[in-house]
Amino acid sequence: MAKLIEATYGDALFELAVEESRVDSLYDEAGAVIEAFNDNPEFGRLLNHPEVEKGEKEGLINNIFSQFVSGDMTGLLITMVSKDRQKKIVDTLEYFRKRVLEYKKIGIAYVSTAKPLTDEQKKAVAGKLLETTGYVDFQMNYTVDESLIGGMVIRIGDRVVDSSIKHKIDELSRSLMKIQL
């Protein structure tokens, strides 16, 4: 199976970052570029416009990004544009940032609860996750979902732990449906 575009470019950037001991700086630069694309959707549309010549697109990338990111980051962006991969720039940089977090053993946790957690409860959840995983730190993302009724749902990567009351009610109703009278 062919490697995904974002993995190909993201892995190359990651290898460069590790090789040159620039993991943190390139991680920050990737975040800045992602933010620039997200804050300026018209820029992405311009890069994808078929009537704008490739040379103009490369020049735009160089003029805009060379002022606030390294030559390596600018070079990656120009290379992606020159190979008509501009639609995958944000995905590539997000992939790279995930690789960096894995490398540094920092997990990303998404926690949904029926009611907002106190700071103390958040600290307890993060502490329990650190105890039960191989991560040394977590980027915690908390959301409130009143449909959960109680309990919480925690997602880390493709792993999900659902201890919500809604989930338990759903399981119970599925079990009751199987009972034959």
Protein backbone atom coordinates (compact mmCIF):
# COMPACT_ATOMS: atom_id res chain seq x y z
CA MET A 1 0.00 0.00 0.00
CA ALA A 2 1.29 3.43 -0.91
CA LYS A 3 2.30 5.70 1.94
CA LEU A 4 -0.04 8.64 2.52
CA ILE A 5 1.21 12.01 1.26
CA GLU A 6 1.12 13.55 4.74
CA ALA A 7 3.10 10.61 6.16
CA THR A 8 5.75 10.84 3.43
CA TYR A 9 6.41 14.56 3.93
CA GLY A 10 5.68 14.52 7.68
CA ASP A 11 8.12 11.66 8.29
CA ALA A 12 10.82 13.44 6.28
CA LEU A 13 10.34 16.59 8.36
CA PHE A 14 10.36 14.54 11.57
CA GLU A 15 13.61 12.78 10.62
CA LEU A 16 15.21 16.15 9.84
CA ALA A 17 13.97 17.58 13.16
CA VAL A 18 15.44 14.69 15.17
CA GLU A 19 18.69 14.61 13.16
CA GLU A 20 19.29 18.32 13.66
CA SER A 21 17.95 18.48 17.25
CA ARG A 22 15.25 20.92 16.16
CA VAL A 23 12.19 18.97 17.26
CA ASP A 24 10.75 21.76 19.43
CA SER A 25 11.43 24.63 17.05
CA LEU A 26 10.00 22.80 14.01
CA TYR A 27 7.02 21.68 16.11
CA ASP A 28 6.34 25.35 16.94
CA GLU A 29 6.85 26.42 13.32
CA ALA A 30 4.42 23.74 12.12
CA GLY A 31 1.86 25.08 14.60
CA ALA A 32 2.36 28.62 13.31
CA VAL A 33 1.91 27.52 9.68
CA ILE A 34 -1.22 25.53 10.54
CA GLU A 35 -2.60 28.56 12.36
CA ALA A 36 -1.80 30.81 9.37
CA PHE A 37 -3.67 28.47 7.01
CA ASN A 38 -6.63 28.10 9.40
CA ASP A 39 -6.86 31.86 10.02
CA ASN A 40 -6.66 32.66 6.28
CA PRO A 41 -8.78 30.15 4.31
CA GLU A 42 -8.57 32.39 1.23
CA PHE A 43 -4.82 31.72 1.13
CA GLY A 44 -5.48 27.98 0.79
CA ARG A 45 -8.03 28.66 -1.95
CA LEU A 46 -5.47 30.81 -3.78
CA LEU A 47 -2.85 28.04 -3.57
CA ASN A 48 -5.36 25.56 -4.96
CA HIS A 49 -6.65 27.82 -7.74
CA PRO A 50 -5.87 26.23 -11.13
CA GLU A 51 -5.30 29.59 -12.87
CA VAL A 52 -2.54 30.70 -10.47
CA GLU A 53 0.77 29.48 -11.89
CA LYS A 54 2.93 27.16 -9.80
CA GLY A 55 5.80 29.67 -9.78
CA GLU A 56 3.50 32.35 -8.37
CA LYS A 57 2.29 29.96 -5.65
CA GLU A 58 5.88 29.10 -4.71
CA GLY A 59 6.74 32.82 -4.62
CA LEU A 60 3.76 33.50 -2.34
CA ILE A 61 4.84 30.76 0.05
CA ASN A 62 8.39 32.10 0.08
CA ASN A 63 7.32 35.74 0.59
CA ILE A 64 4.86 34.96 3.38
CA PHE A 65 6.54 32.18 5.34
CA SER A 66 10.28 32.83 4.96
CA GLN A 67 9.87 35.82 7.31
CA PHE A 68 8.72 33.80 10.31
CA VAL A 69 9.73 30.14 9.82
CA SER A 70 13.02 28.41 9.03
CA GLY A 71 14.33 27.75 5.54
CA ASP A 72 13.63 24.05 6.06
CA MET A 73 9.95 24.68 6.80
CA THR A 74 9.64 27.13 3.90
CA GLY A 75 11.42 24.61 1.67
CA LEU A 76 8.97 21.87 2.64
CA LEU A 77 6.02 24.12 1.82
CA ILE A 78 7.51 25.14 -1.54
CA THR A 79 8.31 21.50 -2.37
CA MET A 80 4.74 20.47 -1.58
CA VAL A 81 3.38 23.26 -3.80
CA SER A 82 5.80 22.39 -6.62
CA LYS A 83 4.53 18.79 -6.53
CA ASP A 84 0.86 19.87 -6.38
CA ARG A 85 0.50 18.70 -2.77
CA GLN A 86 -0.63 22.06 -1.34
CA LYS A 87 -4.01 20.62 -0.32
CA LYS A 88 -2.15 18.35 2.11
CA ILE A 89 0.05 20.99 3.81
CA VAL A 90 -2.06 21.31 6.97
CA ASP A 91 -2.62 17.53 7.21
CA THR A 92 1.13 16.97 6.79
CA LEU A 93 2.03 19.42 9.53
CA GLU A 94 -0.62 17.99 11.87
CA TYR A 95 0.79 14.50 11.20
CA PHE A 96 4.30 15.82 11.97
CA ARG A 97 3.12 17.38 15.25
CA LYS A 98 1.53 14.08 16.30
CA ARG A 99 4.81 12.27 15.54
CA VAL A 100 6.67 14.78 17.72
CA LEU A 101 4.25 14.28 20.61
CA GLU A 102 4.60 10.48 20.36
CA TYR A 103 8.39 10.87 20.24
CA LYS A 104 8.30 12.98 23.39
CA LYS A 105 5.80 10.57 24.99
CA ILE A 106 3.12 13.23 25.28
CA GLY A 107 -0.39 11.92 24.81
CA ILE A 108 -3.42 13.84 23.63
CA ALA A 109 -6.50 13.02 25.70
CA TYR A 110 -10.06 14.04 24.93
CA VAL A 111 -12.28 13.86 28.01
CA SER A 112 -16.05 14.33 27.78
CA THR A 113 -18.15 14.67 30.91
CA ALA A 114 -21.79 15.47 31.61
CA LYS A 115 -20.81 18.45 33.77
CA PRO A 116 -17.68 20.63 33.85
CA LEU A 117 -14.87 19.21 35.97
CA THR A 118 -13.22 21.21 38.73
CA ASP A 119 -9.49 21.90 38.49
CA GLU A 120 -8.94 19.26 41.17
CA GLN A 121 -10.93 16.65 39.20
CA LYS A 122 -9.02 17.52 36.02
CA LYS A 123 -5.75 17.06 37.88
CA ALA A 124 -6.94 13.67 39.17
CA VAL A 125 -7.95 12.51 35.66
CA ALA A 126 -4.60 13.59 34.20
CA GLY A 127 -2.76 11.90 37.09
CA LYS A 128 -4.65 8.63 36.58
CA LEU A 129 -3.90 8.71 32.83
CA LEU A 130 -0.19 9.24 33.51
CA GLU A 131 -0.22 6.28 35.94
CA THR A 132 -1.96 3.91 33.52
CA THR A 133 -0.23 4.79 30.24
CA GLY A 134 3.34 5.02 29.00
CA TYR A 135 3.12 8.77 28.54
CA VAL A 136 5.13 11.28 30.57
CA ASP A 137 2.69 14.14 29.96
CA PHE A 138 -0.69 14.84 28.39
CA GLN A 139 -2.34 17.57 26.39
CA MET A 140 -5.78 17.47 27.94
CA ASN A 141 -8.91 18.53 26.04
CA TYR A 142 -12.11 18.72 28.08
CA THR A 143 -15.64 19.01 26.71
CA VAL A 144 -19.07 18.89 28.30
CA ASP A 145 -21.71 16.58 26.79
CA GLU A 146 -24.87 16.58 28.89
CA SER A 147 -26.23 13.55 26.99
CA LEU A 148 -23.71 11.39 28.88
CA ILE A 149 -25.88 11.85 32.02
CA GLY A 150 -22.88 11.07 34.26
CA GLY A 151 -19.44 9.47 34.17
CA MET A 152 -16.97 10.26 31.40
CA VAL A 153 -15.63 9.23 28.02
CA ILE A 154 -11.86 9.36 27.50
CA ARG A 155 -10.26 9.08 24.05
CA ILE A 156 -6.52 8.77 23.51
CA GLY A 157 -5.67 8.07 19.88
CA ASP A 158 -7.86 5.18 18.78
CA ARG A 159 -8.51 3.95 22.34
CA VAL A 160 -11.78 4.89 24.03
CA VAL A 161 -12.84 4.28 27.62
CA ASP A 162 -16.55 4.94 28.06
CA SER A 163 -17.76 4.91 31.65
CA SER A 164 -20.72 7.18 31.00
CA ILE A 165 -24.16 6.37 32.36
CA LYS A 166 -25.57 6.78 28.83
CA HIS A 167 -23.23 4.00 27.63
CA LYS A 168 -24.24 1.74 30.53
CA ILE A 169 -27.94 2.32 29.80
CA ASP A 170 -27.35 1.52 26.12
CA GLU A 171 -25.55 -1.70 27.07
CA LEU A 172 -28.34 -2.68 29.44
CA SER A 173 -31.02 -2.06 26.83
CA ARG A 174 -29.08 -4.15 24.27
CA SER A 175 -28.87 -6.98 26.83
CA LEU A 176 -32.59 -6.75 27.56
CA MET A 177 -33.38 -6.89 23.83
CA LYS A 178 -31.57 -10.26 23.61
CA ILE A 179 -33.72 -11.84 26.33
CA GLN A 180 -36.36 -14.09 24.85
CA LEU A 181 -39.59 -14.47 26.76
